Amino acid sequence: GRRPSMSGGGSDGGGSGSSRRSGGANTWLLQQPSTQKRLAPVVKWLHADEMLKAAGIDVTSVTPKTVAELIGQLQQFQEDHLGRHAKVAKRKATMPLLPRAVFFDTKDDGALCHIVSECYVFQHERGWRRFQFTTPTRVDEYVSLLERIRSRLVNNNLLKYPR
C-alpha cells in the first residue's frame, strides 16, 4: 500500500476540505496522532540541539503538534509562492521547491530536524514571536528562509541535486 503523504496530492489540497491547489500541505494528515507520533524524534532532537541552545533559542515549548503546524504552513507557503500555480510575479523560477521527501526524513539529525531548526533560528534572528506565512510583507523573507533551508540541507548532505 501507499504511505500517506504529509503533502497534499488531490485537487483540494489532499483532503483537507480546503480549496487550495494541489501540492500544499495535507492539514488533516498533519493533525493525526500517528503523524505527530512520527514527529516525536524531531522534537527530541530540537530539545537537545546545541546550536539552538548556544544561540539562546528556547524550543522547550515545541511539540509534535507545533512542528506539524509549522511544516504545514511552510509547505503551503512554498506551494503558494514557488509552486506550479504561483503567480508569475511571485514565482522565483530559478528556485526549485524543497522535495517532499525531506519532510518525511524524521530520523535523528535528519532533514526535517534541520528544516525546523533553521525555521526557529530564522524566527529568533528577526525577533518574531510567531510565523505568519500569509503576511504579504514577509514573502521575500520567507523565500530567503527556504533558500537557507535548502543550503543547510545541501551542506549537511541531506539534499542533493542532479548535476
N, C-alpha and C. Protein backbone atom coordinates (compact mmCIF):
# COMPACT_ATOMS: atom_id res chain seq x y z
N GLY A 1 0.81 -1.20 0.00
CA GLY A 1 0.00 0.00 0.00
C GLY A 1 0.85 1.25 0.00
N ARG A 2 0.22 2.33 -0.35
CA ARG A 2 0.89 3.61 -0.41
C ARG A 2 0.90 4.28 0.95
N ARG A 3 2.04 4.83 1.33
CA ARG A 3 2.16 5.55 2.60
C ARG A 3 1.46 6.89 2.49
N PRO A 4 0.67 7.28 3.51
CA PRO A 4 0.01 8.57 3.45
C PRO A 4 1.04 9.69 3.35
N SER A 5 0.71 10.70 2.61
CA SER A 5 1.62 11.81 2.38
C SER A 5 1.31 12.97 3.31
N MET A 6 2.38 13.62 3.82
CA MET A 6 2.18 14.82 4.62
C MET A 6 1.98 16.02 3.72
N SER A 7 2.06 15.81 2.40
CA SER A 7 1.75 16.85 1.44
C SER A 7 0.50 16.44 0.70
N GLY A 8 -0.26 17.41 0.30
CA GLY A 8 -1.49 17.13 -0.43
C GLY A 8 -1.20 16.57 -1.80
N GLY A 9 -2.14 15.85 -2.35
CA GLY A 9 -1.95 15.31 -3.67
C GLY A 9 -3.15 15.55 -4.55
N GLY A 10 -4.31 15.75 -3.95
CA GLY A 10 -5.53 15.93 -4.73
C GLY A 10 -5.74 17.38 -5.08
N SER A 11 -6.76 17.63 -5.89
CA SER A 11 -7.02 18.99 -6.32
C SER A 11 -7.53 19.86 -5.18
N ASP A 12 -7.91 19.26 -4.07
CA ASP A 12 -8.41 20.06 -2.95
C ASP A 12 -7.36 20.25 -1.87
N GLY A 13 -6.10 19.94 -2.17
CA GLY A 13 -5.04 20.11 -1.17
C GLY A 13 -4.89 18.87 -0.32
N GLY A 14 -5.39 17.73 -0.77
CA GLY A 14 -5.14 16.49 -0.07
C GLY A 14 -6.20 16.11 0.92
N GLY A 15 -7.43 16.47 0.67
CA GLY A 15 -8.49 16.04 1.56
C GLY A 15 -8.67 16.93 2.77
N SER A 16 -8.09 18.10 2.74
CA SER A 16 -8.18 18.98 3.89
C SER A 16 -9.49 19.74 3.94
N GLY A 17 -10.29 19.61 2.87
CA GLY A 17 -11.54 20.34 2.85
C GLY A 17 -11.35 21.78 2.40
N SER A 18 -10.15 22.13 1.98
CA SER A 18 -9.88 23.49 1.55
C SER A 18 -9.98 23.58 0.04
N SER A 19 -9.93 24.80 -0.47
CA SER A 19 -9.97 24.98 -1.91
C SER A 19 -8.57 25.25 -2.45
N ARG A 20 -7.55 24.94 -1.70
CA ARG A 20 -6.17 25.13 -2.12
C ARG A 20 -5.86 24.23 -3.31
N ARG A 21 -4.92 24.67 -4.13
CA ARG A 21 -4.47 23.85 -5.26
C ARG A 21 -3.59 22.73 -4.75
N SER A 22 -3.38 21.72 -5.59
CA SER A 22 -2.59 20.56 -5.17
C SER A 22 -1.15 20.95 -4.86
N GLY A 23 -0.51 20.12 -4.06
CA GLY A 23 0.88 20.31 -3.73
C GLY A 23 1.12 20.91 -2.37
N GLY A 24 0.12 21.51 -1.78
CA GLY A 24 0.27 22.12 -0.47
C GLY A 24 0.21 21.08 0.62
N ALA A 25 0.16 21.55 1.83
CA ALA A 25 0.15 20.66 2.98
C ALA A 25 -1.19 19.95 3.12
N ASN A 26 -1.13 18.72 3.58
CA ASN A 26 -2.34 17.97 3.92
C ASN A 26 -2.57 18.21 5.40
N THR A 27 -3.34 19.25 5.72
CA THR A 27 -3.51 19.65 7.11
C THR A 27 -4.22 18.58 7.93
N TRP A 28 -5.13 17.86 7.31
CA TRP A 28 -5.83 16.80 8.03
C TRP A 28 -4.83 15.75 8.51
N LEU A 29 -3.97 15.31 7.62
CA LEU A 29 -2.99 14.28 7.97
C LEU A 29 -2.00 14.79 9.02
N LEU A 30 -1.58 16.05 8.90
CA LEU A 30 -0.63 16.60 9.86
C LEU A 30 -1.21 16.66 11.27
N GLN A 31 -2.53 16.71 11.39
CA GLN A 31 -3.17 16.78 12.70
C GLN A 31 -3.39 15.41 13.32
N GLN A 32 -3.15 14.34 12.58
CA GLN A 32 -3.42 12.99 13.08
C GLN A 32 -2.39 12.57 14.12
N PRO A 33 -2.82 11.87 15.16
CA PRO A 33 -1.89 11.40 16.20
C PRO A 33 -0.75 10.54 15.63
N SER A 34 -1.03 9.74 14.61
CA SER A 34 0.03 8.89 14.04
C SER A 34 1.13 9.73 13.40
N THR A 35 0.75 10.82 12.75
CA THR A 35 1.74 11.72 12.15
C THR A 35 2.54 12.42 13.24
N GLN A 36 1.83 12.89 14.25
CA GLN A 36 2.52 13.59 15.33
C GLN A 36 3.45 12.65 16.09
N LYS A 37 3.09 11.37 16.17
CA LYS A 37 3.97 10.39 16.81
C LYS A 37 5.26 10.25 16.00
N ARG A 38 5.14 10.27 14.66
CA ARG A 38 6.33 10.17 13.80
C ARG A 38 7.23 11.40 13.95
N LEU A 39 6.67 12.52 14.42
CA LEU A 39 7.44 13.75 14.58
C LEU A 39 8.15 13.83 15.93
N ALA A 40 7.86 12.91 16.84
CA ALA A 40 8.48 12.93 18.18
C ALA A 40 10.01 12.94 18.14
N PRO A 41 10.67 12.15 17.26
CA PRO A 41 12.14 12.20 17.21
C PRO A 41 12.67 13.58 16.80
N VAL A 42 11.94 14.30 15.97
CA VAL A 42 12.35 15.64 15.55
C VAL A 42 12.32 16.57 16.76
N VAL A 43 11.25 16.49 17.54
CA VAL A 43 11.12 17.33 18.74
C VAL A 43 12.24 17.00 19.73
N LYS A 44 12.50 15.73 19.94
CA LYS A 44 13.57 15.31 20.86
C LYS A 44 14.92 15.88 20.40
N TRP A 45 15.18 15.81 19.10
CA TRP A 45 16.43 16.33 18.54
C TRP A 45 16.51 17.84 18.75
N LEU A 46 15.41 18.56 18.51
CA LEU A 46 15.41 20.02 18.70
C LEU A 46 15.70 20.39 20.14
N HIS A 47 15.09 19.66 21.08
CA HIS A 47 15.30 19.95 22.50
C HIS A 47 16.76 19.74 22.91
N ALA A 48 17.48 18.88 22.18
CA ALA A 48 18.87 18.60 22.51
C ALA A 48 19.86 19.36 21.62
N ASP A 49 19.37 20.13 20.66
CA ASP A 49 20.23 20.80 19.68
C ASP A 49 21.09 21.88 20.34
N GLU A 50 22.39 21.64 20.36
CA GLU A 50 23.33 22.57 21.00
C GLU A 50 23.40 23.90 20.27
N MET A 51 23.23 23.89 18.94
CA MET A 51 23.27 25.14 18.18
C MET A 51 22.13 26.07 18.60
N LEU A 52 20.95 25.52 18.80
CA LEU A 52 19.82 26.33 19.24
C LEU A 52 20.06 26.86 20.65
N LYS A 53 20.57 25.99 21.52
CA LYS A 53 20.86 26.42 22.89
C LYS A 53 21.90 27.53 22.92
N ALA A 54 22.98 27.36 22.13
CA ALA A 54 24.06 28.35 22.10
C ALA A 54 23.56 29.70 21.59
N ALA A 55 22.57 29.68 20.70
CA ALA A 55 22.02 30.92 20.16
C ALA A 55 20.97 31.53 21.08
N GLY A 56 20.68 30.86 22.20
CA GLY A 56 19.70 31.36 23.15
C GLY A 56 18.26 31.18 22.70
N ILE A 57 18.04 30.18 21.86
CA ILE A 57 16.71 29.92 21.33
C ILE A 57 16.05 28.84 22.17
N ASP A 58 14.93 29.21 22.79
CA ASP A 58 14.22 28.29 23.67
C ASP A 58 13.17 27.52 22.86
N VAL A 59 13.37 26.22 22.73
CA VAL A 59 12.43 25.38 21.99
C VAL A 59 11.74 24.38 22.92
N THR A 60 11.78 24.65 24.23
CA THR A 60 11.19 23.71 25.18
C THR A 60 9.68 23.59 25.00
N SER A 61 9.05 24.61 24.42
CA SER A 61 7.59 24.54 24.22
C SER A 61 7.22 23.88 22.88
N VAL A 62 8.22 23.51 22.09
CA VAL A 62 7.95 22.86 20.80
C VAL A 62 7.47 21.44 21.05
N THR A 63 6.37 21.09 20.38
CA THR A 63 5.76 19.77 20.49
C THR A 63 5.57 19.19 19.09
N PRO A 64 5.25 17.89 19.00
CA PRO A 64 4.94 17.35 17.68
C PRO A 64 3.82 18.13 16.97
N LYS A 65 2.86 18.62 17.74
CA LYS A 65 1.76 19.38 17.14
C LYS A 65 2.26 20.70 16.56
N THR A 66 3.12 21.42 17.28
CA THR A 66 3.62 22.68 16.76
C THR A 66 4.54 22.45 15.56
N VAL A 67 5.29 21.36 15.57
CA VAL A 67 6.13 21.02 14.41
C VAL A 67 5.24 20.72 13.21
N ALA A 68 4.17 19.96 13.41
CA ALA A 68 3.25 19.64 12.32
C ALA A 68 2.64 20.91 11.74
N GLU A 69 2.25 21.84 12.60
CA GLU A 69 1.67 23.10 12.13
C GLU A 69 2.69 23.90 11.32
N LEU A 70 3.93 23.96 11.81
CA LEU A 70 4.98 24.68 11.10
C LEU A 70 5.26 24.05 9.73
N ILE A 71 5.35 22.73 9.69
CA ILE A 71 5.58 22.02 8.43
C ILE A 71 4.46 22.34 7.44
N GLY A 72 3.23 22.28 7.92
CA GLY A 72 2.09 22.55 7.05
C GLY A 72 2.13 23.96 6.48
N GLN A 73 2.43 24.93 7.33
CA GLN A 73 2.50 26.32 6.88
C GLN A 73 3.64 26.53 5.88
N LEU A 74 4.78 25.92 6.16
CA LEU A 74 5.94 26.05 5.27
C LEU A 74 5.66 25.41 3.91
N GLN A 75 5.07 24.21 3.91
CA GLN A 75 4.74 23.54 2.65
C GLN A 75 3.72 24.36 1.86
N GLN A 76 2.72 24.90 2.53
CA GLN A 76 1.71 25.68 1.82
C GLN A 76 2.30 26.96 1.26
N PHE A 77 3.16 27.63 2.04
CA PHE A 77 3.82 28.84 1.55
C PHE A 77 4.64 28.52 0.31
N GLN A 78 5.41 27.45 0.38
CA GLN A 78 6.25 27.05 -0.75
C GLN A 78 5.40 26.83 -2.00
N GLU A 79 4.30 26.12 -1.84
CA GLU A 79 3.42 25.85 -3.00
C GLU A 79 2.77 27.13 -3.51
N ASP A 80 2.30 27.98 -2.60
CA ASP A 80 1.62 29.21 -3.00
C ASP A 80 2.54 30.19 -3.72
N HIS A 81 3.81 30.23 -3.32
CA HIS A 81 4.71 31.26 -3.84
C HIS A 81 5.76 30.75 -4.83
N LEU A 82 6.03 29.45 -4.82
CA LEU A 82 7.04 28.91 -5.72
C LEU A 82 6.53 27.77 -6.58
N GLY A 83 5.35 27.28 -6.27
CA GLY A 83 4.81 26.11 -6.95
C GLY A 83 4.30 26.40 -8.34
N ARG A 84 3.81 25.38 -8.95
CA ARG A 84 3.34 25.42 -10.34
C ARG A 84 2.26 26.47 -10.56
N HIS A 85 1.42 26.70 -9.57
CA HIS A 85 0.30 27.63 -9.73
C HIS A 85 0.56 29.00 -9.11
N ALA A 86 1.80 29.25 -8.71
CA ALA A 86 2.13 30.56 -8.11
C ALA A 86 1.99 31.65 -9.16
N LYS A 87 1.62 32.83 -8.70
CA LYS A 87 1.54 33.97 -9.62
C LYS A 87 2.94 34.24 -10.16
N VAL A 88 3.03 34.54 -11.44
CA VAL A 88 4.31 34.73 -12.09
C VAL A 88 5.15 35.80 -11.38
N ALA A 89 4.51 36.87 -10.92
CA ALA A 89 5.24 37.94 -10.26
C ALA A 89 5.92 37.47 -8.98
N LYS A 90 5.33 36.48 -8.31
CA LYS A 90 5.88 35.99 -7.05
C LYS A 90 6.89 34.86 -7.27
N ARG A 91 6.72 34.12 -8.33
CA ARG A 91 7.48 32.89 -8.50
C ARG A 91 8.95 33.16 -8.80
N LYS A 92 9.80 32.47 -8.12
CA LYS A 92 11.23 32.54 -8.36
C LYS A 92 11.57 31.31 -9.21
N ALA A 93 11.57 31.49 -10.52
CA ALA A 93 11.72 30.37 -11.44
C ALA A 93 13.02 29.61 -11.24
N THR A 94 14.04 30.28 -10.74
CA THR A 94 15.33 29.62 -10.58
C THR A 94 15.42 28.82 -9.28
N MET A 95 14.42 28.94 -8.44
CA MET A 95 14.47 28.28 -7.14
C MET A 95 13.56 27.05 -7.13
N PRO A 96 14.16 25.86 -7.09
CA PRO A 96 13.33 24.65 -7.06
C PRO A 96 12.66 24.48 -5.69
N LEU A 97 11.52 23.82 -5.71
CA LEU A 97 10.83 23.51 -4.46
C LEU A 97 11.65 22.52 -3.65
N LEU A 98 11.52 22.59 -2.34
CA LEU A 98 12.10 21.53 -1.50
C LEU A 98 11.32 20.26 -1.82
N PRO A 99 12.01 19.16 -2.09
CA PRO A 99 11.29 17.93 -2.42
C PRO A 99 10.49 17.41 -1.22
N ARG A 100 9.38 16.77 -1.50
CA ARG A 100 8.53 16.26 -0.42
C ARG A 100 9.27 15.28 0.49
N ALA A 101 10.21 14.56 -0.07
CA ALA A 101 10.94 13.54 0.70
C ALA A 101 11.62 14.13 1.94
N VAL A 102 12.09 15.37 1.87
CA VAL A 102 12.79 15.94 3.02
C VAL A 102 11.86 16.13 4.21
N PHE A 103 10.56 16.28 3.93
CA PHE A 103 9.59 16.45 5.01
C PHE A 103 9.25 15.12 5.69
N PHE A 104 9.70 14.01 5.11
CA PHE A 104 9.47 12.68 5.69
C PHE A 104 10.68 12.16 6.44
N ASP A 105 11.82 12.84 6.32
CA ASP A 105 13.05 12.38 6.95
C ASP A 105 13.04 12.81 8.41
N THR A 106 12.33 12.02 9.24
CA THR A 106 12.12 12.37 10.64
C THR A 106 13.13 11.71 11.58
N LYS A 107 14.13 11.04 11.01
CA LYS A 107 15.10 10.38 11.89
C LYS A 107 15.98 11.41 12.60
N ASP A 108 16.66 10.96 13.63
CA ASP A 108 17.57 11.80 14.40
C ASP A 108 18.59 12.45 13.46
N ASP A 109 18.70 13.76 13.48
CA ASP A 109 19.60 14.54 12.64
C ASP A 109 19.23 14.46 11.16
N GLY A 110 17.97 14.10 10.89
CA GLY A 110 17.50 14.02 9.51
C GLY A 110 17.12 15.38 8.96
N ALA A 111 16.68 15.39 7.72
CA ALA A 111 16.36 16.64 7.03
C ALA A 111 15.31 17.46 7.77
N LEU A 112 14.27 16.83 8.27
CA LEU A 112 13.22 17.58 8.94
C LEU A 112 13.72 18.26 10.21
N CYS A 113 14.64 17.63 10.92
CA CYS A 113 15.24 18.27 12.09
C CYS A 113 15.91 19.59 11.70
N HIS A 114 16.66 19.55 10.61
CA HIS A 114 17.38 20.74 10.16
C HIS A 114 16.43 21.80 9.60
N ILE A 115 15.36 21.38 8.94
CA ILE A 115 14.37 22.31 8.42
C ILE A 115 13.74 23.09 9.57
N VAL A 116 13.27 22.38 10.57
CA VAL A 116 12.58 23.02 11.69
C VAL A 116 13.55 23.87 12.50
N SER A 117 14.76 23.38 12.72
CA SER A 117 15.78 24.15 13.44
C SER A 117 16.07 25.46 12.72
N GLU A 118 16.24 25.40 11.42
CA GLU A 118 16.53 26.62 10.64
C GLU A 118 15.37 27.61 10.73
N CYS A 119 14.15 27.11 10.76
CA CYS A 119 12.99 27.99 10.92
C CYS A 119 13.06 28.74 12.24
N TYR A 120 13.38 28.03 13.32
CA TYR A 120 13.44 28.68 14.63
C TYR A 120 14.61 29.66 14.73
N VAL A 121 15.75 29.34 14.11
CA VAL A 121 16.87 30.27 14.08
C VAL A 121 16.45 31.54 13.34
N PHE A 122 15.81 31.37 12.21
CA PHE A 122 15.35 32.49 11.38
C PHE A 122 14.37 33.37 12.15
N GLN A 123 13.42 32.73 12.82
CA GLN A 123 12.43 33.45 13.62
C GLN A 123 13.12 34.26 14.72
N HIS A 124 14.07 33.63 15.40
CA HIS A 124 14.79 34.27 16.50
C HIS A 124 15.60 35.48 16.00
N GLU A 125 16.29 35.32 14.87
CA GLU A 125 17.10 36.41 14.33
C GLU A 125 16.27 37.65 14.00
N ARG A 126 15.02 37.43 13.63
CA ARG A 126 14.15 38.53 13.26
C ARG A 126 13.32 39.06 14.43
N GLY A 127 13.41 38.38 15.56
CA GLY A 127 12.65 38.82 16.72
C GLY A 127 11.15 38.59 16.59
N TRP A 128 10.76 37.65 15.74
CA TRP A 128 9.35 37.36 15.55
C TRP A 128 8.84 36.48 16.67
N ARG A 129 7.63 36.73 17.12
CA ARG A 129 7.01 35.89 18.14
C ARG A 129 6.42 34.63 17.52
N ARG A 130 5.98 34.74 16.28
CA ARG A 130 5.38 33.57 15.62
C ARG A 130 5.59 33.69 14.11
N PHE A 131 5.38 32.58 13.43
CA PHE A 131 5.46 32.55 11.98
C PHE A 131 4.13 33.04 11.43
N GLN A 132 4.20 33.90 10.43
CA GLN A 132 3.00 34.41 9.76
C GLN A 132 3.23 34.32 8.25
N PHE A 133 3.13 33.09 7.74
CA PHE A 133 3.44 32.83 6.34
C PHE A 133 2.47 33.51 5.37
N THR A 134 1.33 33.98 5.85
CA THR A 134 0.35 34.62 4.97
C THR A 134 0.48 36.13 4.93
N THR A 135 1.45 36.69 5.66
CA THR A 135 1.65 38.14 5.67
C THR A 135 2.37 38.56 4.39
N PRO A 136 1.71 39.35 3.54
CA PRO A 136 2.30 39.73 2.25
C PRO A 136 3.65 40.43 2.35
N THR A 137 3.86 41.22 3.40
CA THR A 137 5.11 41.97 3.53
C THR A 137 6.29 41.07 3.89
N ARG A 138 6.03 39.82 4.26
CA ARG A 138 7.12 38.92 4.64
C ARG A 138 7.45 37.87 3.57
N VAL A 139 6.82 37.95 2.41
CA VAL A 139 7.03 36.93 1.38
C VAL A 139 8.51 36.77 1.04
N ASP A 140 9.20 37.88 0.78
CA ASP A 140 10.62 37.80 0.40
C ASP A 140 11.46 37.20 1.52
N GLU A 141 11.10 37.51 2.77
CA GLU A 141 11.85 36.94 3.90
C GLU A 141 11.64 35.43 3.98
N TYR A 142 10.42 34.99 3.75
CA TYR A 142 10.16 33.54 3.81
C TYR A 142 10.78 32.81 2.63
N VAL A 143 10.87 33.48 1.47
CA VAL A 143 11.58 32.87 0.34
C VAL A 143 13.05 32.73 0.72
N SER A 144 13.62 33.72 1.39
CA SER A 144 15.02 33.61 1.81
C SER A 144 15.19 32.51 2.87
N LEU A 145 14.17 32.30 3.70
CA LEU A 145 14.20 31.18 4.65
C LEU A 145 14.29 29.86 3.88
N LEU A 146 13.49 29.70 2.85
CA LEU A 146 13.55 28.48 2.04
C LEU A 146 14.93 28.29 1.41
N GLU A 147 15.54 29.39 0.98
CA GLU A 147 16.89 29.31 0.42
C GLU A 147 17.89 28.87 1.49
N ARG A 148 17.74 29.39 2.70
CA ARG A 148 18.63 28.99 3.80
C ARG A 148 18.43 27.53 4.16
N ILE A 149 17.18 27.08 4.18
CA ILE A 149 16.90 25.67 4.46
C ILE A 149 17.56 24.80 3.42
N ARG A 150 17.38 25.14 2.15
CA ARG A 150 17.97 24.37 1.06
C ARG A 150 19.49 24.29 1.22
N SER A 151 20.11 25.43 1.50
CA SER A 151 21.56 25.48 1.67
C SER A 151 22.01 24.59 2.84
N ARG A 152 21.29 24.66 3.93
CA ARG A 152 21.65 23.86 5.11
C ARG A 152 21.52 22.37 4.82
N LEU A 153 20.46 21.99 4.11
CA LEU A 153 20.28 20.58 3.77
C LEU A 153 21.39 20.10 2.83
N VAL A 154 21.75 20.92 1.87
CA VAL A 154 22.84 20.55 0.94
C VAL A 154 24.16 20.44 1.71
N ASN A 155 24.44 21.41 2.57
CA ASN A 155 25.69 21.41 3.34
C ASN A 155 25.80 20.21 4.28
N ASN A 156 24.66 19.69 4.72
CA ASN A 156 24.65 18.52 5.61
C ASN A 156 24.41 17.21 4.85
N ASN A 157 24.57 17.26 3.54
CA ASN A 157 24.39 16.09 2.67
C ASN A 157 23.02 15.43 2.86
N LEU A 158 22.01 16.23 3.09
CA LEU A 158 20.65 15.72 3.25
C LEU A 158 19.79 16.02 2.03
N LEU A 159 20.35 16.77 1.09
CA LEU A 159 19.66 17.11 -0.15
C LEU A 159 20.70 17.23 -1.24
N LYS A 160 20.44 16.52 -2.32
CA LYS A 160 21.37 16.57 -3.46
C LYS A 160 20.57 16.86 -4.71
N TYR A 161 21.14 17.70 -5.55
CA TYR A 161 20.52 17.99 -6.84
C TYR A 161 21.34 17.32 -7.93
N PRO A 162 20.68 16.83 -8.96
CA PRO A 162 21.43 16.20 -10.06
C PRO A 162 22.34 17.21 -10.73
N ARG A 163 23.48 16.72 -11.17
CA ARG A 163 24.43 17.62 -11.84
C ARG A 163 24.18 17.65 -13.33
